[in-house]
């Protein structure tokens, strides 16, 4: 798969993306209406008030997977991916006229965390439809799945 990091931000969601979101939420035992975010400013505003329930469910699943798998945080491929993610977020933001360096770091950091979660799911032998793999697929397809905010799953 050729990753298209942050290349589809603000574009209409396709059926495959909607299916990934549905599977991701179901895998975490959540239901939330979908909110398509259209701009970097809107993404920044949405990120300020995450759902504790959503975050706790992700963290519980991460902790569960970490009990059966360990990853090397100094893996050269992992470190290189983080550089790529920051560059891709910076380019996407610049194209949209966003110069907010903190927001660019948030975007890159969230993609990095999703990549970690996906690597962890693979290392732990998780099934193909695992929520972390679904979330990572959204990033690879050019999206930024922001999370559950104000009772809605927000995706840019």
C-alpha atoms as a PDB file:
ATOM      1  CA  UNK A   1       0.000   0.000   0.000  1.00  0.00           C
ATOM      2  CA  UNK A   2       1.312   3.436  -0.887  1.00  0.00           C
ATOM      3  CA  UNK A   3       0.446   5.794   1.912  1.00  0.00           C
ATOM      4  CA  UNK A   4      -1.108   9.133   1.049  1.00  0.00           C
ATOM      5  CA  UNK A   5      -0.539  10.768   4.434  1.00  0.00           C
ATOM      6  CA  UNK A   6      -2.855  13.762   4.975  1.00  0.00           C
ATOM      7  CA  UNK A   7      -3.682  14.048   1.258  1.00  0.00           C
ATOM      8  CA  UNK A   8      -7.484  13.720   1.523  1.00  0.00           C
ATOM      9  CA  UNK A   9      -8.125  16.187   4.349  1.00  0.00           C
ATOM     10  CA  UNK A  10     -11.429  17.998   3.936  1.00  0.00           C
ATOM     11  CA  UNK A  11     -12.525  15.874   0.970  1.00  0.00           C
ATOM     12  CA  UNK A  12     -15.905  14.077   1.016  1.00  0.00           C
ATOM     13  CA  UNK A  13     -15.764  10.656   2.672  1.00  0.00           C
ATOM     14  CA  UNK A  14     -16.136   7.568   0.528  1.00  0.00           C
ATOM     15  CA  UNK A  15     -18.071   4.431   1.440  1.00  0.00           C
ATOM     16  CA  UNK A  16     -14.864   2.488   2.179  1.00  0.00           C
ATOM     17  CA  UNK A  17     -13.791   5.191   4.638  1.00  0.00           C
ATOM     18  CA  UNK A  18     -17.199   5.196   6.286  1.00  0.00           C
ATOM     19  CA  UNK A  19     -16.970   1.416   6.617  1.00  0.00           C
ATOM     20  CA  UNK A  20     -13.530   1.700   8.249  1.00  0.00           C
ATOM     21  CA  UNK A  21     -14.893   4.256  10.729  1.00  0.00           C
ATOM     22  CA  UNK A  22     -17.883   2.035  11.542  1.00  0.00           C
ATOM     23  CA  UNK A  23     -15.601  -0.964  12.091  1.00  0.00           C
ATOM     24  CA  UNK A  24     -13.184   1.061  14.203  1.00  0.00           C
ATOM     25  CA  UNK A  25     -15.945   2.342  16.487  1.00  0.00           C
ATOM     26  CA  UNK A  26     -17.646  -1.059  16.734  1.00  0.00           C
ATOM     27  CA  UNK A  27     -14.310  -2.665  17.605  1.00  0.00           C
ATOM     28  CA  UNK A  28     -14.014  -0.320  20.569  1.00  0.00           C
ATOM     29  CA  UNK A  29     -17.659  -0.866  21.549  1.00  0.00           C
ATOM     30  CA  UNK A  30     -18.649   2.694  20.630  1.00  0.00           C
ATOM     31  CA  UNK A  31     -21.397   4.284  18.590  1.00  0.00           C
ATOM     32  CA  UNK A  32     -21.155   7.886  17.467  1.00  0.00           C
ATOM     33  CA  UNK A  33     -22.428   9.861  14.505  1.00  0.00           C
ATOM     34  CA  UNK A  34     -19.801  10.787  11.935  1.00  0.00           C
ATOM     35  CA  UNK A  35     -18.663  14.384  11.531  1.00  0.00           C
ATOM     36  CA  UNK A  36     -16.557  15.250   8.495  1.00  0.00           C
ATOM     37  CA  UNK A  37     -14.175  18.083   9.364  1.00  0.00           C
ATOM     38  CA  UNK A  38     -13.398  20.413   6.473  1.00  0.00           C
ATOM     39  CA  UNK A  39     -10.561  22.715   7.614  1.00  0.00           C
ATOM     40  CA  UNK A  40      -7.444  22.798   9.772  1.00  0.00           C
ATOM     41  CA  UNK A  41      -9.092  25.437  11.974  1.00  0.00           C
ATOM     42  CA  UNK A  42     -12.100  23.182  12.536  1.00  0.00           C
ATOM     43  CA  UNK A  43      -9.773  20.247  13.309  1.00  0.00           C
ATOM     44  CA  UNK A  44      -7.958  22.376  15.887  1.00  0.00           C
ATOM     45  CA  UNK A  45     -11.242  23.378  17.519  1.00  0.00           C
ATOM     46  CA  UNK A  46     -12.531  19.780  17.641  1.00  0.00           C
ATOM     47  CA  UNK A  47      -9.332  18.454  19.235  1.00  0.00           C
ATOM     48  CA  UNK A  48      -9.710  20.595  22.311  1.00  0.00           C
ATOM     49  CA  UNK A  49     -12.356  18.446  24.057  1.00  0.00           C
ATOM     50  CA  UNK A  50     -11.931  14.683  23.541  1.00  0.00           C
ATOM     51  CA  UNK A  51     -14.235  12.084  24.973  1.00  0.00           C
ATOM     52  CA  UNK A  52     -12.730  10.437  28.028  1.00  0.00           C
ATOM     53  CA  UNK A  53     -14.687   7.263  27.222  1.00  0.00           C
ATOM     54  CA  UNK A  54     -13.234   7.017  23.704  1.00  0.00           C
ATOM     55  CA  UNK A  55      -9.680   7.698  24.876  1.00  0.00           C
ATOM     56  CA  UNK A  56      -9.981   5.237  27.766  1.00  0.00           C
ATOM     57  CA  UNK A  57     -11.215   2.494  25.443  1.00  0.00           C
ATOM     58  CA  UNK A  58      -8.255   3.007  23.105  1.00  0.00           C
ATOM     59  CA  UNK A  59      -5.837   3.040  26.022  1.00  0.00           C
ATOM     60  CA  UNK A  60      -7.364  -0.110  27.519  1.00  0.00           C
ATOM     61  CA  UNK A  61      -6.921  -1.895  24.197  1.00  0.00           C
ATOM     62  CA  UNK A  62      -3.340  -0.629  23.848  1.00  0.00           C
ATOM     63  CA  UNK A  63      -2.515  -1.882  27.342  1.00  0.00           C
ATOM     64  CA  UNK A  64      -4.103  -5.256  26.571  1.00  0.00           C
ATOM     65  CA  UNK A  65      -2.007  -5.647  23.418  1.00  0.00           C
ATOM     66  CA  UNK A  66       1.182  -4.512  25.163  1.00  0.00           C
ATOM     67  CA  UNK A  67       0.830  -7.404  27.614  1.00  0.00           C
ATOM     68  CA  UNK A  68       1.472  -9.812  24.730  1.00  0.00           C
ATOM     69  CA  UNK A  69       3.789  -7.835  22.439  1.00  0.00           C
ATOM     70  CA  UNK A  70       6.702  -5.444  22.762  1.00  0.00           C
ATOM     71  CA  UNK A  71       8.072  -3.074  20.149  1.00  0.00           C
ATOM     72  CA  UNK A  72      11.504  -1.506  19.851  1.00  0.00           C
ATOM     73  CA  UNK A  73      11.058   2.288  20.134  1.00  0.00           C
ATOM     74  CA  UNK A  74      14.482   2.778  18.490  1.00  0.00           C
ATOM     75  CA  UNK A  75      13.639   0.725  15.385  1.00  0.00           C
ATOM     76  CA  UNK A  76      15.143   2.730  12.472  1.00  0.00           C
ATOM     77  CA  UNK A  77      12.078   2.159  10.271  1.00  0.00           C
ATOM     78  CA  UNK A  78       9.858   3.493  13.069  1.00  0.00           C
ATOM     79  CA  UNK A  79      12.009   6.585  13.514  1.00  0.00           C
ATOM     80  CA  UNK A  80      12.047   7.239   9.753  1.00  0.00           C
ATOM     81  CA  UNK A  81       8.264   6.923   9.581  1.00  0.00           C
ATOM     82  CA  UNK A  82       7.910   9.621  12.227  1.00  0.00           C
ATOM     83  CA  UNK A  83       9.996  11.998  10.096  1.00  0.00           C
ATOM     84  CA  UNK A  84       7.844  11.213   7.060  1.00  0.00           C
ATOM     85  CA  UNK A  85       4.641  11.851   9.011  1.00  0.00           C
ATOM     86  CA  UNK A  86       5.785  15.246  10.250  1.00  0.00           C
ATOM     87  CA  UNK A  87       6.825  16.256   6.728  1.00  0.00           C
ATOM     88  CA  UNK A  88       3.511  15.111   5.245  1.00  0.00           C
ATOM     89  CA  UNK A  89       1.498  16.989   7.866  1.00  0.00           C
ATOM     90  CA  UNK A  90       3.554  20.144   7.281  1.00  0.00           C
ATOM     91  CA  UNK A  91       3.044  19.941   3.515  1.00  0.00           C
ATOM     92  CA  UNK A  92      -0.711  19.364   3.841  1.00  0.00           C
ATOM     93  CA  UNK A  93      -1.047  22.262   6.268  1.00  0.00           C
ATOM     94  CA  UNK A  94       0.986  24.592   4.056  1.00  0.00           C
ATOM     95  CA  UNK A  95      -1.176  23.728   1.029  1.00  0.00           C
ATOM     96  CA  UNK A  96      -4.228  24.741   3.030  1.00  0.00           C
ATOM     97  CA  UNK A  97      -2.622  27.932   4.328  1.00  0.00           C
ATOM     98  CA  UNK A  98      -2.220  26.651   7.893  1.00  0.00           C
ATOM     99  CA  UNK A  99       1.002  27.738   9.603  1.00  0.00           C
ATOM    100  CA  UNK A 100       0.107  26.532  13.108  1.00  0.00           C
ATOM    101  CA  UNK A 101       3.222  24.528  14.041  1.00  0.00           C
ATOM    102  CA  UNK A 102       1.625  23.121  17.181  1.00  0.00           C
ATOM    103  CA  UNK A 103      -1.339  21.789  15.194  1.00  0.00           C
ATOM    104  CA  UNK A 104       1.015  20.294  12.603  1.00  0.00           C
ATOM    105  CA  UNK A 105       2.835  18.474  15.431  1.00  0.00           C
ATOM    106  CA  UNK A 106      -0.520  17.267  16.799  1.00  0.00           C
ATOM    107  CA  UNK A 107      -1.457  15.873  13.371  1.00  0.00           C
ATOM    108  CA  UNK A 108       1.908  14.145  12.924  1.00  0.00           C
ATOM    109  CA  UNK A 109       1.882  12.882  16.499  1.00  0.00           C
ATOM    110  CA  UNK A 110      -1.579  11.400  16.177  1.00  0.00           C
ATOM    111  CA  UNK A 111      -0.549   9.618  12.980  1.00  0.00           C
ATOM    112  CA  UNK A 112       2.569   8.369  14.732  1.00  0.00           C
ATOM    113  CA  UNK A 113       0.493   7.037  17.619  1.00  0.00           C
ATOM    114  CA  UNK A 114      -1.897   5.324  15.191  1.00  0.00           C
ATOM    115  CA  UNK A 115       1.121   3.740  13.467  1.00  0.00           C
ATOM    116  CA  UNK A 116       2.365   2.522  16.852  1.00  0.00           C
ATOM    117  CA  UNK A 117      -1.054   1.094  17.667  1.00  0.00           C
ATOM    118  CA  UNK A 118      -1.176  -0.698  14.292  1.00  0.00           C
ATOM    119  CA  UNK A 119       2.351  -2.096  14.741  1.00  0.00           C
ATOM    120  CA  UNK A 120       1.357  -3.277  18.201  1.00  0.00           C
ATOM    121  CA  UNK A 121      -1.814  -4.930  16.896  1.00  0.00           C
ATOM    122  CA  UNK A 122       0.226  -6.787  14.248  1.00  0.00           C
ATOM    123  CA  UNK A 123       2.875  -7.821  16.783  1.00  0.00           C
ATOM    124  CA  UNK A 124       0.170  -9.155  19.113  1.00  0.00           C
ATOM    125  CA  UNK A 125      -1.420 -11.162  16.274  1.00  0.00           C
ATOM    126  CA  UNK A 126      -4.653  -9.158  16.163  1.00  0.00           C
ATOM    127  CA  UNK A 127      -7.245 -10.019  13.531  1.00  0.00           C
ATOM    128  CA  UNK A 128      -7.401  -8.058  10.269  1.00  0.00           C
ATOM    129  CA  UNK A 129     -10.439  -6.022  11.343  1.00  0.00           C
ATOM    130  CA  UNK A 130      -8.890  -4.820  14.610  1.00  0.00           C
ATOM    131  CA  UNK A 131      -9.876  -1.191  15.375  1.00  0.00           C
ATOM    132  CA  UNK A 132      -6.249  -0.001  15.459  1.00  0.00           C
ATOM    133  CA  UNK A 133      -5.650  -1.427  11.983  1.00  0.00           C
ATOM    134  CA  UNK A 134      -8.793   0.261  10.706  1.00  0.00           C
ATOM    135  CA  UNK A 135      -7.777   3.615  12.170  1.00  0.00           C
ATOM    136  CA  UNK A 136      -4.303   3.293  10.664  1.00  0.00           C
ATOM    137  CA  UNK A 137      -5.839   2.482   7.263  1.00  0.00           C
ATOM    138  CA  UNK A 138      -7.684   5.809   7.414  1.00  0.00           C
ATOM    139  CA  UNK A 139      -4.384   7.629   7.995  1.00  0.00           C
ATOM    140  CA  UNK A 140      -2.721   5.694   5.170  1.00  0.00           C
ATOM    141  CA  UNK A 141      -5.575   6.764   2.898  1.00  0.00           C
ATOM    142  CA  UNK A 142      -4.929  10.438   3.558  1.00  0.00           C
ATOM    143  CA  UNK A 143      -7.304  11.118   6.445  1.00  0.00           C
ATOM    144  CA  UNK A 144      -6.815  12.354   9.976  1.00  0.00           C
ATOM    145  CA  UNK A 145      -9.265  10.497  12.235  1.00  0.00           C
ATOM    146  CA  UNK A 146      -9.477  12.987  15.080  1.00  0.00           C
ATOM    147  CA  UNK A 147     -11.552  10.882  17.462  1.00  0.00           C
ATOM    148  CA  UNK A 148     -14.750  11.275  19.417  1.00  0.00           C
ATOM    149  CA  UNK A 149     -15.466  14.888  20.321  1.00  0.00           C
ATOM    150  CA  UNK A 150     -18.749  16.273  21.601  1.00  0.00           C
ATOM    151  CA  UNK A 151     -20.351  12.847  21.043  1.00  0.00           C
ATOM    152  CA  UNK A 152     -19.356  12.674  17.353  1.00  0.00           C
ATOM    153  CA  UNK A 153     -16.552  10.816  15.626  1.00  0.00           C
ATOM    154  CA  UNK A 154     -14.650  13.573  13.837  1.00  0.00           C
ATOM    155  CA  UNK A 155     -12.512  12.841  10.799  1.00  0.00           C
ATOM    156  CA  UNK A 156     -10.596  15.344   8.669  1.00  0.00           C
END
